[in-house]
Amino acid sequence: MNIEERTGDSAVIVSLDGRLDGTTAPDVEKQVSAIVDRGDVRIVLDCDRMSYVSSAGLRVLLLCARKCQQGGGKLAIAGLQPECLSVLEMSGFHKIIECHETSEAALAAVS
């Protein structure tokens, strides 16, 4: 998993490239926690290049969303591939974490 961070106008955008599974989930959690700990509580996860999400990955997405909410912010997901979106829909996570087709829409949602 390659994790890249950039600052947008109203939120931090974290791009995930690869598989979000039991091996890589701790790295994503650590990165998002560091962002929130420094005071940036509006985060967009750009998942356009994320190819897989496991149950461990779902758990980390939920933990990250909760951490943002506890800080008074919000986390949204953008650009999920159809397979990953299907996993979020089957698990009901799309009702807990907002999912958008584009980063721009997700940025607007967290602003």
C-alpha atoms as a PDB file:
ATOM      1  CA  MET A   1       0.000   0.000   0.000  1.00  0.00           C
ATOM      2  CA  ASN A   2       1.308   3.396  -0.980  1.00  0.00           C
ATOM      3  CA  ILE A   3      -0.110   6.259   1.100  1.00  0.00           C
ATOM      4  CA  GLU A   4       0.241   9.832  -0.123  1.00  0.00           C
ATOM      5  CA  GLU A   5      -0.953  12.923   1.689  1.00  0.00           C
ATOM      6  CA  ARG A   6      -1.674  16.361   0.281  1.00  0.00           C
ATOM      7  CA  THR A   7      -3.475  19.382   1.629  1.00  0.00           C
ATOM      8  CA  GLY A   8      -6.517  20.623  -0.238  1.00  0.00           C
ATOM      9  CA  ASP A   9      -8.344  23.915   0.237  1.00  0.00           C
ATOM     10  CA  SER A  10     -10.565  22.641   3.039  1.00  0.00           C
ATOM     11  CA  ALA A  11      -9.254  19.191   3.975  1.00  0.00           C
ATOM     12  CA  VAL A  12      -6.351  16.787   3.867  1.00  0.00           C
ATOM     13  CA  ILE A  13      -6.528  14.301   1.005  1.00  0.00           C
ATOM     14  CA  VAL A  14      -4.998  10.895   1.656  1.00  0.00           C
ATOM     15  CA  SER A  15      -4.538   8.762  -1.458  1.00  0.00           C
ATOM     16  CA  LEU A  16      -4.497   5.003  -0.991  1.00  0.00           C
ATOM     17  CA  ASP A  17      -2.853   2.907  -3.693  1.00  0.00           C
ATOM     18  CA  GLY A  18      -3.000  -0.872  -3.333  1.00  0.00           C
ATOM     19  CA  ARG A  19      -4.707  -3.316  -0.996  1.00  0.00           C
ATOM     20  CA  LEU A  20      -6.253  -2.262   2.303  1.00  0.00           C
ATOM     21  CA  ASP A  21      -5.984  -5.466   4.322  1.00  0.00           C
ATOM     22  CA  GLY A  22      -4.664  -6.779   7.626  1.00  0.00           C
ATOM     23  CA  THR A  23      -1.081  -6.046   6.611  1.00  0.00           C
ATOM     24  CA  THR A  24      -1.578  -2.461   5.422  1.00  0.00           C
ATOM     25  CA  ALA A  25      -4.466  -1.314   7.621  1.00  0.00           C
ATOM     26  CA  PRO A  26      -2.208  -0.347  10.575  1.00  0.00           C
ATOM     27  CA  ASP A  27      -0.210   1.968   8.292  1.00  0.00           C
ATOM     28  CA  VAL A  28      -3.383   3.751   7.155  1.00  0.00           C
ATOM     29  CA  GLU A  29      -4.612   4.060  10.741  1.00  0.00           C
ATOM     30  CA  LYS A  30      -1.254   5.477  11.843  1.00  0.00           C
ATOM     31  CA  GLN A  31      -1.206   8.037   9.012  1.00  0.00           C
ATOM     32  CA  VAL A  32      -4.778   9.234   9.603  1.00  0.00           C
ATOM     33  CA  SER A  33      -4.245   9.358  13.379  1.00  0.00           C
ATOM     34  CA  ALA A  34      -1.162  11.538  12.890  1.00  0.00           C
ATOM     35  CA  ILE A  35      -3.153  13.906  10.670  1.00  0.00           C
ATOM     36  CA  VAL A  36      -5.979  14.205  13.213  1.00  0.00           C
ATOM     37  CA  ASP A  37      -3.541  14.566  16.108  1.00  0.00           C
ATOM     38  CA  ARG A  38      -2.001  17.609  14.467  1.00  0.00           C
ATOM     39  CA  GLY A  39      -5.450  19.207  14.228  1.00  0.00           C
ATOM     40  CA  ASP A  40      -6.574  18.389  10.696  1.00  0.00           C
ATOM     41  CA  VAL A  41      -9.940  16.701  11.277  1.00  0.00           C
ATOM     42  CA  ARG A  42     -11.410  17.013   7.775  1.00  0.00           C
ATOM     43  CA  ILE A  43     -10.045  14.161   5.691  1.00  0.00           C
ATOM     44  CA  VAL A  44     -10.831  12.716   2.275  1.00  0.00           C
ATOM     45  CA  LEU A  45      -9.588   9.230   1.526  1.00  0.00           C
ATOM     46  CA  ASP A  46      -8.999   9.091  -2.222  1.00  0.00           C
ATOM     47  CA  CYS A  47      -9.417   5.402  -3.005  1.00  0.00           C
ATOM     48  CA  ASP A  48      -9.292   5.630  -6.794  1.00  0.00           C
ATOM     49  CA  ARG A  49      -6.223   3.349  -6.824  1.00  0.00           C
ATOM     50  CA  MET A  50      -7.249   1.093  -3.939  1.00  0.00           C
ATOM     51  CA  SER A  51      -7.775  -2.359  -5.412  1.00  0.00           C
ATOM     52  CA  TYR A  52      -9.051  -4.355  -2.418  1.00  0.00           C
ATOM     53  CA  VAL A  53     -10.524  -3.888   1.048  1.00  0.00           C
ATOM     54  CA  SER A  54     -10.748  -6.637   3.678  1.00  0.00           C
ATOM     55  CA  SER A  55     -12.610  -6.756   6.980  1.00  0.00           C
ATOM     56  CA  ALA A  56      -9.483  -5.397   8.671  1.00  0.00           C
ATOM     57  CA  GLY A  57      -9.543  -2.539   6.176  1.00  0.00           C
ATOM     58  CA  LEU A  58     -13.200  -1.844   6.948  1.00  0.00           C
ATOM     59  CA  ARG A  59     -12.379  -1.723  10.642  1.00  0.00           C
ATOM     60  CA  VAL A  60      -9.670   0.865  10.038  1.00  0.00           C
ATOM     61  CA  LEU A  61     -11.963   2.990   7.875  1.00  0.00           C
ATOM     62  CA  LEU A  62     -14.467   3.042  10.719  1.00  0.00           C
ATOM     63  CA  LEU A  63     -11.790   3.870  13.302  1.00  0.00           C
ATOM     64  CA  CYS A  64     -10.506   6.729  11.155  1.00  0.00           C
ATOM     65  CA  ALA A  65     -14.004   8.133  10.640  1.00  0.00           C
ATOM     66  CA  ARG A  66     -14.667   8.006  14.383  1.00  0.00           C
ATOM     67  CA  LYS A  67     -11.367   9.702  15.168  1.00  0.00           C
ATOM     68  CA  CYS A  68     -12.256  12.559  12.815  1.00  0.00           C
ATOM     69  CA  GLN A  69     -15.730  12.875  14.351  1.00  0.00           C
ATOM     70  CA  GLN A  70     -14.320  12.916  17.881  1.00  0.00           C
ATOM     71  CA  GLY A  71     -12.123  15.824  16.823  1.00  0.00           C
ATOM     72  CA  GLY A  72     -15.130  17.712  15.474  1.00  0.00           C
ATOM     73  CA  GLY A  73     -14.438  16.905  11.832  1.00  0.00           C
ATOM     74  CA  LYS A  74     -15.454  14.426   9.206  1.00  0.00           C
ATOM     75  CA  LEU A  75     -14.001  11.749   6.940  1.00  0.00           C
ATOM     76  CA  ALA A  76     -15.318  10.954   3.471  1.00  0.00           C
ATOM     77  CA  ILE A  77     -14.221   8.446   0.858  1.00  0.00           C
ATOM     78  CA  ALA A  78     -13.794   9.226  -2.838  1.00  0.00           C
ATOM     79  CA  GLY A  79     -13.335   7.202  -5.994  1.00  0.00           C
ATOM     80  CA  LEU A  80     -13.935   3.662  -4.776  1.00  0.00           C
ATOM     81  CA  GLN A  81     -13.472   0.966  -7.382  1.00  0.00           C
ATOM     82  CA  PRO A  82     -16.678  -1.069  -7.987  1.00  0.00           C
ATOM     83  CA  GLU A  83     -15.382  -4.102  -6.073  1.00  0.00           C
ATOM     84  CA  CYS A  84     -14.442  -2.035  -3.028  1.00  0.00           C
ATOM     85  CA  LEU A  85     -17.689  -0.067  -3.134  1.00  0.00           C
ATOM     86  CA  SER A  86     -19.578  -3.355  -3.214  1.00  0.00           C
ATOM     87  CA  VAL A  87     -17.800  -4.492  -0.032  1.00  0.00           C
ATOM     88  CA  LEU A  88     -18.701  -1.234   1.734  1.00  0.00           C
ATOM     89  CA  GLU A  89     -22.315  -1.529   0.583  1.00  0.00           C
ATOM     90  CA  MET A  90     -22.665  -5.185   1.618  1.00  0.00           C
ATOM     91  CA  SER A  91     -21.255  -4.398   5.052  1.00  0.00           C
ATOM     92  CA  GLY A  92     -23.410  -1.286   5.472  1.00  0.00           C
ATOM     93  CA  PHE A  93     -20.380   0.961   5.912  1.00  0.00           C
ATOM     94  CA  HIS A  94     -21.560   3.265   3.122  1.00  0.00           C
ATOM     95  CA  LYS A  95     -24.308   4.345   5.557  1.00  0.00           C
ATOM     96  CA  ILE A  96     -21.734   5.271   8.198  1.00  0.00           C
ATOM     97  CA  ILE A  97     -19.013   6.824   6.025  1.00  0.00           C
ATOM     98  CA  GLU A  98     -19.967   9.027   3.088  1.00  0.00           C
ATOM     99  CA  CYS A  99     -18.738   7.689  -0.249  1.00  0.00           C
ATOM    100  CA  HIS A 100     -18.451   9.953  -3.290  1.00  0.00           C
ATOM    101  CA  GLU A 101     -17.466   9.387  -6.894  1.00  0.00           C
ATOM    102  CA  THR A 102     -14.932  12.218  -6.978  1.00  0.00           C
ATOM    103  CA  SER A 103     -12.492  13.889  -4.612  1.00  0.00           C
ATOM    104  CA  GLU A 104     -14.169  17.213  -5.321  1.00  0.00           C
ATOM    105  CA  ALA A 105     -17.534  15.903  -4.111  1.00  0.00           C
ATOM    106  CA  ALA A 106     -15.930  14.379  -1.017  1.00  0.00           C
ATOM    107  CA  LEU A 107     -14.115  17.655  -0.276  1.00  0.00           C
ATOM    108  CA  ALA A 108     -17.406  19.519  -0.472  1.00  0.00           C
ATOM    109  CA  ALA A 109     -18.982  16.998   1.914  1.00  0.00           C
ATOM    110  CA  VAL A 110     -16.345  17.420   4.621  1.00  0.00           C
ATOM    111  CA  SER A 111     -16.143  21.226   4.369  1.00  0.00           C
END
